[in-house]
């Protein structure tokens, strides 16, 4: 995709499915996910060794920025977060400033990223892929912005997750009664309907420019490792 085509796509494509994560909705999501700090820290621990010294990392759809901030505490790298939500970009910048780390949070569309080819050593996208309006184009963009030999990781809810696993996940968030009920409803009525099964993710990866794919199942999620 040429820079001109990417710019046109960014302006015309909706970029996301469902309600926009802006204003009060973004604030609610940030409050809920802030309680899951162990998950963000755990993923940062797992990926830190894959970031070369003075390397570059892109998180696609970082939301409030919790994972990118945790990773910035662990590695000496240029870390960028690209999100289509203006509210999330502003929120993530504030969170990074409070944490005393440097993360470059920017506004942009996952299916038309404003970066040159072969820019990043690692690309991460978690809990957002199911919301992309153009998922296969987003995968192609991840491939384009990765350096040769680079790695992309897509972590998301799998549609074939058992109901008991979903319930365990919700209860593990340790929220109040109201937020637990709202989150349970959101999983069942919204998120699972948008999510992809492991087989569907594998099929998209096979159609992508990526050379290799490995998919792990972890609880209610899949971890899709895509190698350039």
C-alpha atoms as a PDB file:
ATOM      1  CA  UNK A   1       0.000   0.000   0.000  1.00  0.00           C
ATOM      2  CA  UNK A   2       1.487   3.348  -1.026  1.00  0.00           C
ATOM      3  CA  UNK A   3       1.656   6.254   1.471  1.00  0.00           C
ATOM      4  CA  UNK A   4      -1.085   8.027  -0.509  1.00  0.00           C
ATOM      5  CA  UNK A   5      -3.371   4.981  -0.383  1.00  0.00           C
ATOM      6  CA  UNK A   6      -2.757   4.539   3.343  1.00  0.00           C
ATOM      7  CA  UNK A   7      -3.644   8.178   3.965  1.00  0.00           C
ATOM      8  CA  UNK A   8      -6.861   7.839   1.953  1.00  0.00           C
ATOM      9  CA  UNK A   9      -7.787   4.630   3.796  1.00  0.00           C
ATOM     10  CA  UNK A  10      -7.172   6.252   7.171  1.00  0.00           C
ATOM     11  CA  UNK A  11      -9.587   9.045   6.266  1.00  0.00           C
ATOM     12  CA  UNK A  12     -12.359   6.888   4.774  1.00  0.00           C
ATOM     13  CA  UNK A  13     -12.329   3.593   6.706  1.00  0.00           C
ATOM     14  CA  UNK A  14     -14.197   3.553  10.062  1.00  0.00           C
ATOM     15  CA  UNK A  15     -11.255   1.746  11.635  1.00  0.00           C
ATOM     16  CA  UNK A  16     -13.277  -0.016  14.334  1.00  0.00           C
ATOM     17  CA  UNK A  17     -16.430  -2.051  14.868  1.00  0.00           C
ATOM     18  CA  UNK A  18     -19.068  -1.052  17.413  1.00  0.00           C
ATOM     19  CA  UNK A  19     -19.144   2.017  19.628  1.00  0.00           C
ATOM     20  CA  UNK A  20     -16.237   4.416  19.515  1.00  0.00           C
ATOM     21  CA  UNK A  21     -14.012   4.216  22.580  1.00  0.00           C
ATOM     22  CA  UNK A  22     -14.290   7.877  23.401  1.00  0.00           C
ATOM     23  CA  UNK A  23     -15.320   9.968  26.389  1.00  0.00           C
ATOM     24  CA  UNK A  24     -17.185   8.121  29.193  1.00  0.00           C
ATOM     25  CA  UNK A  25     -16.908   4.739  27.450  1.00  0.00           C
ATOM     26  CA  UNK A  26     -13.120   5.060  27.225  1.00  0.00           C
ATOM     27  CA  UNK A  27     -12.957   6.185  30.861  1.00  0.00           C
ATOM     28  CA  UNK A  28     -15.007   3.161  31.997  1.00  0.00           C
ATOM     29  CA  UNK A  29     -12.795   0.777  30.025  1.00  0.00           C
ATOM     30  CA  UNK A  30      -9.665   2.353  31.504  1.00  0.00           C
ATOM     31  CA  UNK A  31     -10.982   1.900  35.057  1.00  0.00           C
ATOM     32  CA  UNK A  32     -11.879  -1.749  34.446  1.00  0.00           C
ATOM     33  CA  UNK A  33      -8.600  -2.710  32.762  1.00  0.00           C
ATOM     34  CA  UNK A  34      -6.475  -0.857  35.319  1.00  0.00           C
ATOM     35  CA  UNK A  35      -7.387  -3.615  37.782  1.00  0.00           C
ATOM     36  CA  UNK A  36      -5.626  -6.151  35.555  1.00  0.00           C
ATOM     37  CA  UNK A  37      -2.116  -4.820  36.160  1.00  0.00           C
ATOM     38  CA  UNK A  38      -0.651  -8.312  36.613  1.00  0.00           C
ATOM     39  CA  UNK A  39      -1.584  -9.242  33.046  1.00  0.00           C
ATOM     40  CA  UNK A  40       0.079  -6.132  31.604  1.00  0.00           C
ATOM     41  CA  UNK A  41       3.203  -6.660  33.700  1.00  0.00           C
ATOM     42  CA  UNK A  42       3.305 -10.368  32.868  1.00  0.00           C
ATOM     43  CA  UNK A  43       3.178  -9.765  29.129  1.00  0.00           C
ATOM     44  CA  UNK A  44       5.851  -7.076  29.438  1.00  0.00           C
ATOM     45  CA  UNK A  45       8.082  -9.526  31.329  1.00  0.00           C
ATOM     46  CA  UNK A  46       7.509 -12.137  28.643  1.00  0.00           C
ATOM     47  CA  UNK A  47       8.335  -9.839  25.732  1.00  0.00           C
ATOM     48  CA  UNK A  48      11.191  -7.775  27.179  1.00  0.00           C
ATOM     49  CA  UNK A  49      13.807 -10.301  26.079  1.00  0.00           C
ATOM     50  CA  UNK A  50      12.543 -10.097  22.487  1.00  0.00           C
ATOM     51  CA  UNK A  51      13.335  -6.384  22.229  1.00  0.00           C
ATOM     52  CA  UNK A  52      16.911  -5.721  21.046  1.00  0.00           C
ATOM     53  CA  UNK A  53      18.948  -2.979  22.778  1.00  0.00           C
ATOM     54  CA  UNK A  54      17.843   0.412  21.460  1.00  0.00           C
ATOM     55  CA  UNK A  55      15.203  -1.409  19.438  1.00  0.00           C
ATOM     56  CA  UNK A  56      11.740  -0.243  18.416  1.00  0.00           C
ATOM     57  CA  UNK A  57       8.317  -1.514  19.479  1.00  0.00           C
ATOM     58  CA  UNK A  58       4.837  -0.654  18.235  1.00  0.00           C
ATOM     59  CA  UNK A  59       1.699  -1.407  20.227  1.00  0.00           C
ATOM     60  CA  UNK A  60      -1.370  -1.272  18.010  1.00  0.00           C
ATOM     61  CA  UNK A  61      -4.474  -0.045  19.877  1.00  0.00           C
ATOM     62  CA  UNK A  62      -2.821   0.397  23.296  1.00  0.00           C
ATOM     63  CA  UNK A  63      -5.915   1.939  24.881  1.00  0.00           C
ATOM     64  CA  UNK A  64      -4.924   3.620  28.162  1.00  0.00           C
ATOM     65  CA  UNK A  65      -1.348   2.533  27.549  1.00  0.00           C
ATOM     66  CA  UNK A  66      -0.866   0.152  30.472  1.00  0.00           C
ATOM     67  CA  UNK A  67       1.148  -2.515  28.634  1.00  0.00           C
ATOM     68  CA  UNK A  68       3.351  -0.069  26.699  1.00  0.00           C
ATOM     69  CA  UNK A  69       4.166   1.725  29.940  1.00  0.00           C
ATOM     70  CA  UNK A  70       5.092  -1.547  31.668  1.00  0.00           C
ATOM     71  CA  UNK A  71       7.329  -2.498  28.745  1.00  0.00           C
ATOM     72  CA  UNK A  72       9.013   0.922  28.814  1.00  0.00           C
ATOM     73  CA  UNK A  73      10.006   0.259  32.439  1.00  0.00           C
ATOM     74  CA  UNK A  74      11.863  -2.880  31.330  1.00  0.00           C
ATOM     75  CA  UNK A  75      13.623  -2.116  28.053  1.00  0.00           C
ATOM     76  CA  UNK A  76      15.786   0.539  26.435  1.00  0.00           C
ATOM     77  CA  UNK A  77      13.763   1.036  23.262  1.00  0.00           C
ATOM     78  CA  UNK A  78      11.670   3.465  21.255  1.00  0.00           C
ATOM     79  CA  UNK A  79       8.096   2.452  22.110  1.00  0.00           C
ATOM     80  CA  UNK A  80       5.144   3.772  20.114  1.00  0.00           C
ATOM     81  CA  UNK A  81       1.422   3.303  20.731  1.00  0.00           C
ATOM     82  CA  UNK A  82      -1.038   3.892  17.871  1.00  0.00           C
ATOM     83  CA  UNK A  83      -4.743   4.186  18.718  1.00  0.00           C
ATOM     84  CA  UNK A  84      -7.789   5.365  16.797  1.00  0.00           C
ATOM     85  CA  UNK A  85      -9.346   6.780  19.964  1.00  0.00           C
ATOM     86  CA  UNK A  86      -8.437  10.391  20.732  1.00  0.00           C
ATOM     87  CA  UNK A  87      -9.554   9.839  24.334  1.00  0.00           C
ATOM     88  CA  UNK A  88      -7.205   6.880  24.745  1.00  0.00           C
ATOM     89  CA  UNK A  89      -4.237   8.729  23.228  1.00  0.00           C
ATOM     90  CA  UNK A  90      -4.691  11.621  25.646  1.00  0.00           C
ATOM     91  CA  UNK A  91      -5.225   9.237  28.568  1.00  0.00           C
ATOM     92  CA  UNK A  92      -2.173   7.121  27.687  1.00  0.00           C
ATOM     93  CA  UNK A  93       0.038  10.196  27.449  1.00  0.00           C
ATOM     94  CA  UNK A  94      -1.053  11.276  30.934  1.00  0.00           C
ATOM     95  CA  UNK A  95      -0.488   7.775  32.320  1.00  0.00           C
ATOM     96  CA  UNK A  96       3.018   7.625  30.820  1.00  0.00           C
ATOM     97  CA  UNK A  97       3.903  11.039  32.248  1.00  0.00           C
ATOM     98  CA  UNK A  98       2.710   9.967  35.711  1.00  0.00           C
ATOM     99  CA  UNK A  99       4.788   6.781  35.433  1.00  0.00           C
ATOM    100  CA  UNK A 100       7.877   8.709  34.392  1.00  0.00           C
ATOM    101  CA  UNK A 101       8.481   6.769  31.172  1.00  0.00           C
ATOM    102  CA  UNK A 102       8.776   7.864  27.566  1.00  0.00           C
ATOM    103  CA  UNK A 103       6.199   6.285  25.256  1.00  0.00           C
ATOM    104  CA  UNK A 104       5.230   7.948  21.976  1.00  0.00           C
ATOM    105  CA  UNK A 105       1.431   7.650  21.877  1.00  0.00           C
ATOM    106  CA  UNK A 106      -0.129   8.712  18.583  1.00  0.00           C
ATOM    107  CA  UNK A 107      -3.549   8.873  16.949  1.00  0.00           C
ATOM    108  CA  UNK A 108      -3.996   6.663  13.876  1.00  0.00           C
ATOM    109  CA  UNK A 109      -5.704   3.785  12.104  1.00  0.00           C
ATOM    110  CA  UNK A 110      -4.405   0.202  12.376  1.00  0.00           C
ATOM    111  CA  UNK A 111      -5.317  -0.498   8.752  1.00  0.00           C
ATOM    112  CA  UNK A 112      -3.349   2.522   7.459  1.00  0.00           C
ATOM    113  CA  UNK A 113      -0.438   3.074   9.821  1.00  0.00           C
ATOM    114  CA  UNK A 114       1.522   6.339   9.513  1.00  0.00           C
ATOM    115  CA  UNK A 115       4.926   4.650   9.621  1.00  0.00           C
ATOM    116  CA  UNK A 116       7.552   3.833   7.021  1.00  0.00           C
ATOM    117  CA  UNK A 117       8.233   0.262   5.936  1.00  0.00           C
ATOM    118  CA  UNK A 118      10.508  -1.817   8.185  1.00  0.00           C
ATOM    119  CA  UNK A 119      10.382   0.535  11.182  1.00  0.00           C
ATOM    120  CA  UNK A 120       9.843  -1.779  14.167  1.00  0.00           C
ATOM    121  CA  UNK A 121      11.490  -4.861  15.667  1.00  0.00           C
ATOM    122  CA  UNK A 122       8.315  -5.937  17.481  1.00  0.00           C
ATOM    123  CA  UNK A 123       4.601  -5.216  17.005  1.00  0.00           C
ATOM    124  CA  UNK A 124       2.058  -6.061  19.710  1.00  0.00           C
ATOM    125  CA  UNK A 125      -1.730  -5.906  19.582  1.00  0.00           C
ATOM    126  CA  UNK A 126      -3.787  -7.129  22.513  1.00  0.00           C
ATOM    127  CA  UNK A 127      -7.509  -7.167  23.298  1.00  0.00           C
ATOM    128  CA  UNK A 128      -8.308  -5.016  20.255  1.00  0.00           C
ATOM    129  CA  UNK A 129      -7.969  -7.074  17.069  1.00  0.00           C
ATOM    130  CA  UNK A 130     -11.611  -8.245  17.151  1.00  0.00           C
ATOM    131  CA  UNK A 131     -12.714  -4.603  16.976  1.00  0.00           C
ATOM    132  CA  UNK A 132     -10.860  -3.744  13.761  1.00  0.00           C
ATOM    133  CA  UNK A 133     -13.099  -3.094  10.756  1.00  0.00           C
ATOM    134  CA  UNK A 134     -10.363  -4.326   8.382  1.00  0.00           C
ATOM    135  CA  UNK A 135      -8.523  -7.056  10.278  1.00  0.00           C
ATOM    136  CA  UNK A 136      -6.633  -8.536   7.334  1.00  0.00           C
ATOM    137  CA  UNK A 137      -5.437  -5.125   6.214  1.00  0.00           C
ATOM    138  CA  UNK A 138      -4.307  -4.485   9.791  1.00  0.00           C
ATOM    139  CA  UNK A 139      -2.261  -7.707   9.706  1.00  0.00           C
ATOM    140  CA  UNK A 140      -0.727  -6.653   6.390  1.00  0.00           C
ATOM    141  CA  UNK A 141       0.184  -3.288   7.913  1.00  0.00           C
ATOM    142  CA  UNK A 142       1.828  -5.011  10.884  1.00  0.00           C
ATOM    143  CA  UNK A 143       3.926  -6.975   8.402  1.00  0.00           C
ATOM    144  CA  UNK A 144       4.814  -3.849   6.409  1.00  0.00           C
ATOM    145  CA  UNK A 145       6.072  -1.832   9.381  1.00  0.00           C
ATOM    146  CA  UNK A 146       8.132  -4.704  10.804  1.00  0.00           C
ATOM    147  CA  UNK A 147      11.816  -5.035  10.026  1.00  0.00           C
ATOM    148  CA  UNK A 148      12.936  -8.245   8.254  1.00  0.00           C
ATOM    149  CA  UNK A 149      13.116 -10.932  10.915  1.00  0.00           C
ATOM    150  CA  UNK A 150      10.714  -8.971  13.125  1.00  0.00           C
ATOM    151  CA  UNK A 151       7.858 -10.459  15.138  1.00  0.00           C
ATOM    152  CA  UNK A 152       4.212  -9.518  15.671  1.00  0.00           C
ATOM    153  CA  UNK A 153       2.071 -10.779  18.539  1.00  0.00           C
ATOM    154  CA  UNK A 154      -1.731 -10.585  18.424  1.00  0.00           C
ATOM    155  CA  UNK A 155      -3.454 -11.441  21.713  1.00  0.00           C
ATOM    156  CA  UNK A 156      -7.227 -11.470  21.848  1.00  0.00           C
ATOM    157  CA  UNK A 157     -10.353 -13.148  23.129  1.00  0.00           C
ATOM    158  CA  UNK A 158     -11.187 -16.350  21.248  1.00  0.00           C
ATOM    159  CA  UNK A 159     -14.792 -16.934  20.264  1.00  0.00           C
ATOM    160  CA  UNK A 160     -14.480 -20.629  21.136  1.00  0.00           C
ATOM    161  CA  UNK A 161     -13.556 -19.926  24.772  1.00  0.00           C
ATOM    162  CA  UNK A 162     -15.672 -22.069  27.160  1.00  0.00           C
ATOM    163  CA  UNK A 163     -18.322 -20.291  29.212  1.00  0.00           C
ATOM    164  CA  UNK A 164     -16.692 -21.400  32.464  1.00  0.00           C
ATOM    165  CA  UNK A 165     -13.390 -19.807  31.385  1.00  0.00           C
ATOM    166  CA  UNK A 166     -15.187 -16.521  30.684  1.00  0.00           C
ATOM    167  CA  UNK A 167     -16.830 -16.614  34.115  1.00  0.00           C
ATOM    168  CA  UNK A 168     -13.487 -17.333  35.787  1.00  0.00           C
ATOM    169  CA  UNK A 169     -11.912 -14.400  33.946  1.00  0.00           C
ATOM    170  CA  UNK A 170     -14.668 -11.977  34.973  1.00  0.00           C
ATOM    171  CA  UNK A 171     -14.589 -13.044  38.626  1.00  0.00           C
ATOM    172  CA  UNK A 172     -10.808 -12.772  38.633  1.00  0.00           C
ATOM    173  CA  UNK A 173     -11.059  -9.069  37.838  1.00  0.00           C
ATOM    174  CA  UNK A 174     -12.207  -8.464  41.431  1.00  0.00           C
ATOM    175  CA  UNK A 175     -14.683  -5.733  40.518  1.00  0.00           C
ATOM    176  CA  UNK A 176     -17.764  -4.500  42.351  1.00  0.00           C
ATOM    177  CA  UNK A 177     -21.138  -6.127  41.768  1.00  0.00           C
ATOM    178  CA  UNK A 178     -22.310  -3.623  39.149  1.00  0.00           C
ATOM    179  CA  UNK A 179     -19.107  -3.652  37.086  1.00  0.00           C
ATOM    180  CA  UNK A 180     -18.977  -7.450  37.279  1.00  0.00           C
ATOM    181  CA  UNK A 181     -22.517  -7.671  35.876  1.00  0.00           C
ATOM    182  CA  UNK A 182     -21.783  -5.144  33.118  1.00  0.00           C
ATOM    183  CA  UNK A 183     -18.514  -6.862  32.176  1.00  0.00           C
ATOM    184  CA  UNK A 184     -20.141 -10.307  32.110  1.00  0.00           C
ATOM    185  CA  UNK A 185     -22.900  -8.966  29.830  1.00  0.00           C
ATOM    186  CA  UNK A 186     -20.312  -7.274  27.585  1.00  0.00           C
ATOM    187  CA  UNK A 187     -18.370 -10.515  27.173  1.00  0.00           C
ATOM    188  CA  UNK A 188     -21.448 -12.566  26.343  1.00  0.00           C
ATOM    189  CA  UNK A 189     -23.426 -10.120  24.211  1.00  0.00           C
ATOM    190  CA  UNK A 190     -20.731  -8.039  22.506  1.00  0.00           C
ATOM    191  CA  UNK A 191     -17.144  -9.257  22.683  1.00  0.00           C
ATOM    192  CA  UNK A 192     -17.659 -12.953  21.937  1.00  0.00           C
ATOM    193  CA  UNK A 193     -19.768 -12.070  18.886  1.00  0.00           C
ATOM    194  CA  UNK A 194     -16.925  -9.965  17.463  1.00  0.00           C
ATOM    195  CA  UNK A 195     -14.131 -12.334  18.447  1.00  0.00           C
ATOM    196  CA  UNK A 196     -12.445 -14.825  16.124  1.00  0.00           C
ATOM    197  CA  UNK A 197     -11.963 -18.520  16.748  1.00  0.00           C
ATOM    198  CA  UNK A 198      -8.472 -19.981  16.699  1.00  0.00           C
ATOM    199  CA  UNK A 199      -9.207 -21.522  13.290  1.00  0.00           C
ATOM    200  CA  UNK A 200     -10.342 -18.171  11.873  1.00  0.00           C
ATOM    201  CA  UNK A 201      -7.214 -16.446  13.153  1.00  0.00           C
ATOM    202  CA  UNK A 202      -5.047 -19.177  11.635  1.00  0.00           C
ATOM    203  CA  UNK A 203      -6.802 -18.729   8.281  1.00  0.00           C
ATOM    204  CA  UNK A 204      -6.243 -14.968   8.289  1.00  0.00           C
ATOM    205  CA  UNK A 205      -2.586 -15.470   9.150  1.00  0.00           C
ATOM    206  CA  UNK A 206      -2.172 -17.919   6.254  1.00  0.00           C
ATOM    207  CA  UNK A 207      -3.596 -15.342   3.839  1.00  0.00           C
ATOM    208  CA  UNK A 208      -1.262 -12.652   5.169  1.00  0.00           C
ATOM    209  CA  UNK A 209       2.269 -11.802   3.967  1.00  0.00           C
ATOM    210  CA  UNK A 210       3.766 -13.272   7.152  1.00  0.00           C
ATOM    211  CA  UNK A 211       6.152 -16.173   6.638  1.00  0.00           C
ATOM    212  CA  UNK A 212       5.309 -18.111   9.779  1.00  0.00           C
ATOM    213  CA  UNK A 213       2.528 -18.410  12.351  1.00  0.00           C
ATOM    214  CA  UNK A 214       2.293 -20.032  15.755  1.00  0.00           C
ATOM    215  CA  UNK A 215      -0.899 -19.824  17.805  1.00  0.00           C
ATOM    216  CA  UNK A 216      -1.047 -20.601  21.525  1.00  0.00           C
ATOM    217  CA  UNK A 217      -4.269 -20.957  23.519  1.00  0.00           C
ATOM    218  CA  UNK A 218      -4.102 -19.343  26.951  1.00  0.00           C
ATOM    219  CA  UNK A 219      -7.327 -19.330  28.943  1.00  0.00           C
ATOM    220  CA  UNK A 220      -9.946 -17.295  27.101  1.00  0.00           C
ATOM    221  CA  UNK A 221      -7.406 -15.895  24.632  1.00  0.00           C
ATOM    222  CA  UNK A 222      -5.212 -16.872  21.735  1.00  0.00           C
ATOM    223  CA  UNK A 223      -1.650 -15.632  21.284  1.00  0.00           C
ATOM    224  CA  UNK A 224      -0.823 -15.477  17.575  1.00  0.00           C
ATOM    225  CA  UNK A 225       2.905 -15.133  16.877  1.00  0.00           C
ATOM    226  CA  UNK A 226       3.546 -13.895  13.339  1.00  0.00           C
ATOM    227  CA  UNK A 227       7.114 -13.909  12.030  1.00  0.00           C
ATOM    228  CA  UNK A 228       8.258 -11.732   9.120  1.00  0.00           C
END
